[in-house]
Amino acid sequence: MKGALYRTLMSESAPPNSQAATTALIADAYREFKPLLRSLAIRRFRIPADDVEPLVQDVFLAFVGRLTTVREPRSWLIGTLCNECRDYWRVQGRLVPMPTDCDTWIDRASSDVDERLDARLRVERTLATMDERCRRLLRLRYVDGCTVPEVATALAMKYRYTKKRLYLCVDRFRALYLTTIGATK
C-alpha cells in the first residue's frame, strides 16, 4: 500500500470530503501499519508491551489530523512513532519509581500517613546522597537496630573508630536532611 493511501486521497474518484472513503482509508492504514509500529516500538525502542498501545494510538491520531498533507503514510507513521518513543523515554527518565517496600516505612505512631511516607522518602533520598560507608553504618545502627559493637563487628572495624564514624555520619546526615526540609541547624 506504499503511496496507495496518498494516491487514493488525491484521486478524482474519491472526493477529499467523502467521510466514508476517508474512514475506510484510515481503517485500512490502521490495519496495515499497526503491527509494524507495535513491533518497531517494542524491538527497536524497547518500550514495554503495556505502554506500546497508547503510543501507537497517539501516532494514528496525529496521522488523522494531517491526513491530507501526508505524502508517504508508511514513512510518516514510522518517523512519528520514533519521535513518540523518544519522548516516552525522556519522560520515563524524569520519573522516579516508588520503592517496592514503601508500606514498611509507615510509622505506626504517627496519625498522618502522608507525612510519615513523605518523611521516610526524604530519609531514603538523603541516605542515597551519602557515601556507601556512611549508608552502611547508618542502616546497620538505626534501621537494623544493631548496637555499636555489633556494627563494628559486622564491618570489621574497631569499636572506637566505628563510634567516631557513626558520629560523623549522623552529623552529615542531619545537615543533608535539614536542607531537604528547608530548615537550618
Protein backbone atom coordinates (compact mmCIF):
# COMPACT_ATOMS: atom_id res chain seq x y z
CA MET A 1 0.00 0.00 0.00
CA LYS A 2 3.05 2.23 -0.24
CA GLY A 3 1.71 5.52 -1.55
CA ALA A 4 -1.69 3.98 -2.28
CA LEU A 5 -3.35 5.90 0.53
CA TYR A 6 -1.98 9.18 -0.78
CA ARG A 7 -2.94 8.37 -4.37
CA THR A 8 -6.44 7.38 -3.28
CA LEU A 9 -6.89 10.54 -1.26
CA MET A 10 -5.75 12.74 -4.10
CA SER A 11 -7.53 10.88 -6.88
CA GLU A 12 -10.53 12.31 -8.67
CA SER A 13 -12.73 9.32 -7.88
CA ALA A 14 -12.73 9.91 -4.13
CA PRO A 15 -13.56 13.46 -3.18
CA PRO A 16 -11.49 14.66 -0.18
CA ASN A 17 -14.65 15.46 1.78
CA SER A 18 -16.14 11.97 1.46
CA GLN A 19 -16.34 10.83 5.08
CA ALA A 20 -16.96 7.17 4.25
CA ALA A 21 -13.95 6.99 1.93
CA THR A 22 -11.70 8.74 4.43
CA THR A 23 -12.83 6.46 7.26
CA ALA A 24 -12.18 3.38 5.13
CA LEU A 25 -8.72 4.63 4.21
CA ILE A 26 -7.86 5.30 7.84
CA ALA A 27 -9.11 1.86 8.85
CA ASP A 28 -7.04 0.24 6.10
CA ALA A 29 -3.93 2.16 7.13
CA TYR A 30 -4.52 1.23 10.77
CA ARG A 31 -4.86 -2.47 9.95
CA GLU A 32 -1.81 -2.43 7.73
CA PHE A 33 0.62 -0.36 9.80
CA LYS A 34 -0.37 -1.09 13.40
CA PRO A 35 1.58 -4.40 13.66
CA LEU A 36 4.64 -2.75 12.12
CA LEU A 37 4.51 0.21 14.52
CA ARG A 38 3.98 -2.04 17.54
CA SER A 39 6.91 -4.27 16.68
CA LEU A 40 9.17 -1.26 16.00
CA ALA A 41 8.32 0.29 19.35
CA ILE A 42 8.91 -2.96 21.22
CA ARG A 43 12.01 -4.18 19.40
CA ARG A 44 13.86 -1.03 18.42
CA PHE A 45 12.95 1.28 21.29
CA ARG A 46 12.33 -1.37 23.96
CA ILE A 47 9.03 0.16 25.02
CA PRO A 48 7.20 -2.13 27.49
CA ALA A 49 4.34 -4.00 25.80
CA ASP A 50 1.79 -2.40 28.14
CA ASP A 51 2.82 1.10 27.05
CA VAL A 52 3.02 0.49 23.29
CA GLU A 53 -0.69 0.71 22.50
CA PRO A 54 -1.13 4.32 23.72
CA LEU A 55 1.90 5.37 21.68
CA VAL A 56 0.54 3.76 18.51
CA GLN A 57 -2.86 5.36 19.14
CA ASP A 58 -1.24 8.79 19.51
CA VAL A 59 0.62 8.30 16.24
CA PHE A 60 -2.58 7.42 14.40
CA LEU A 61 -4.43 10.37 15.93
CA ALA A 62 -1.72 12.68 14.63
CA PHE A 63 -1.95 10.92 11.28
CA VAL A 64 -5.71 11.50 11.08
CA GLY A 65 -5.18 15.19 11.84
CA ARG A 66 -2.70 15.54 8.96
CA LEU A 67 -4.25 13.06 6.56
CA THR A 68 -4.40 15.34 3.52
CA THR A 69 -0.83 16.60 3.88
CA VAL A 70 0.93 13.25 4.36
CA ARG A 71 2.51 12.01 1.13
CA GLU A 72 4.09 8.75 2.27
CA PRO A 73 1.98 7.34 5.12
CA ARG A 74 4.36 4.49 5.99
CA SER A 75 7.40 6.76 6.32
CA TRP A 76 5.43 9.43 8.14
CA LEU A 77 3.96 6.94 10.62
CA ILE A 78 7.36 5.37 11.33
CA GLY A 79 9.01 8.77 11.80
CA THR A 80 6.25 9.96 14.11
CA LEU A 81 6.44 6.72 16.11
CA CYS A 82 10.20 7.18 16.53
CA ASN A 83 9.63 10.68 17.90
CA GLU A 84 6.89 9.44 20.24
CA CYS A 85 9.15 6.67 21.55
CA ARG A 86 11.98 9.13 22.20
CA ASP A 87 9.55 11.41 24.06
CA TYR A 88 8.34 8.40 26.06
CA TRP A 89 11.88 7.65 27.28
CA ARG A 90 12.56 11.31 28.04
CA VAL A 91 9.53 11.37 30.32
CA GLN A 92 10.40 7.98 31.84
CA GLY A 93 13.91 9.26 32.60
CA ARG A 94 12.43 12.02 34.75
CA LEU A 95 10.22 9.67 36.74
CA VAL A 96 11.49 8.13 39.94
CA PRO A 97 9.81 4.80 40.66
CA MET A 98 8.25 4.26 44.06
CA PRO A 99 10.18 1.77 46.18
CA THR A 100 8.56 -1.63 46.45
CA ASP A 101 8.77 -1.75 50.23
CA CYS A 102 7.17 1.63 50.99
CA ASP A 103 4.42 0.02 53.08
CA THR A 104 7.07 -0.96 55.65
CA TRP A 105 8.09 2.68 56.01
CA ILE A 106 4.87 3.81 57.61
CA ASP A 107 5.38 4.97 61.18
CA ARG A 108 2.53 3.43 63.15
CA ALA A 109 2.80 6.07 65.88
CA SER A 110 2.05 8.99 63.54
CA SER A 111 -1.52 9.70 62.61
CA ASP A 112 -0.90 11.30 59.21
CA VAL A 113 0.08 8.63 56.68
CA ASP A 114 1.14 11.17 54.03
CA GLU A 115 3.53 12.92 56.40
CA ARG A 116 5.04 9.63 57.52
CA LEU A 117 5.60 8.44 53.97
CA ASP A 118 6.99 11.83 52.95
CA ALA A 119 9.45 11.80 55.86
CA ARG A 120 10.53 8.25 55.03
CA LEU A 121 11.09 9.16 51.37
CA ARG A 122 13.17 12.16 52.45
CA VAL A 123 15.27 9.91 54.68
CA GLU A 124 15.84 7.45 51.83
CA ARG A 125 16.72 10.27 49.42
CA THR A 126 19.16 11.71 51.95
CA LEU A 127 20.77 8.32 52.53
CA ALA A 128 21.13 7.84 48.78
CA THR A 129 23.20 11.03 48.51
CA MET A 130 25.66 9.86 51.16
CA ASP A 131 28.74 7.73 50.56
CA GLU A 132 28.47 3.94 50.79
CA ARG A 133 30.31 3.61 54.12
CA CYS A 134 28.03 6.08 55.90
CA ARG A 135 24.96 4.47 54.37
CA ARG A 136 26.00 1.05 55.65
CA LEU A 137 26.85 2.37 59.10
CA LEU A 138 23.57 4.26 59.49
CA ARG A 139 21.45 1.43 58.14
CA LEU A 140 23.05 -1.13 60.46
CA ARG A 141 22.77 1.12 63.51
CA TYR A 142 19.40 2.82 63.02
CA VAL A 143 17.41 0.71 60.56
CA ASP A 144 18.56 -2.79 61.54
CA GLY A 145 18.89 -1.81 65.22
CA CYS A 146 22.41 -3.12 65.77
CA THR A 147 24.43 -1.86 68.69
CA VAL A 148 27.74 -0.05 68.10
CA PRO A 149 29.83 -3.17 68.94
CA GLU A 150 27.68 -5.23 66.55
CA VAL A 151 28.17 -2.64 63.80
CA ALA A 152 31.93 -2.70 64.42
CA THR A 153 31.99 -6.48 64.19
CA ALA A 154 29.81 -6.57 61.07
CA LEU A 155 32.03 -4.08 59.25
CA ALA A 156 35.33 -5.40 60.67
CA MET A 157 36.16 -2.05 62.26
CA LYS A 158 37.45 -1.13 65.69
CA TYR A 159 34.87 -0.04 68.25
CA ARG A 160 36.23 3.50 68.80
CA TYR A 161 36.62 4.12 65.06
CA THR A 162 33.06 2.86 64.47
CA LYS A 163 31.77 5.20 67.15
CA LYS A 164 33.63 8.15 65.60
CA ARG A 165 32.42 7.31 62.06
CA LEU A 166 28.84 6.99 63.30
CA TYR A 167 29.06 10.40 64.93
CA LEU A 168 30.40 11.97 61.73
CA CYS A 169 27.84 10.20 59.55
CA VAL A 170 24.93 11.20 61.77
CA ASP A 171 26.14 14.79 61.72
CA ARG A 172 26.44 14.74 57.92
CA PHE A 173 23.03 13.08 57.59
CA ARG A 174 21.43 15.68 59.86
CA ALA A 175 22.85 18.54 57.78
CA LEU A 176 21.69 16.98 54.50
CA TYR A 177 18.26 16.11 55.85
CA LEU A 178 17.68 19.60 57.22
CA THR A 179 18.47 21.09 53.82
CA THR A 180 15.83 18.84 52.21
CA ILE A 181 13.12 20.17 54.51
CA GLY A 182 14.36 23.75 54.29
CA ALA A 183 15.38 24.07 57.94
CA THR A 184 18.64 25.28 59.42
CA LYS A 185 20.77 23.70 62.11
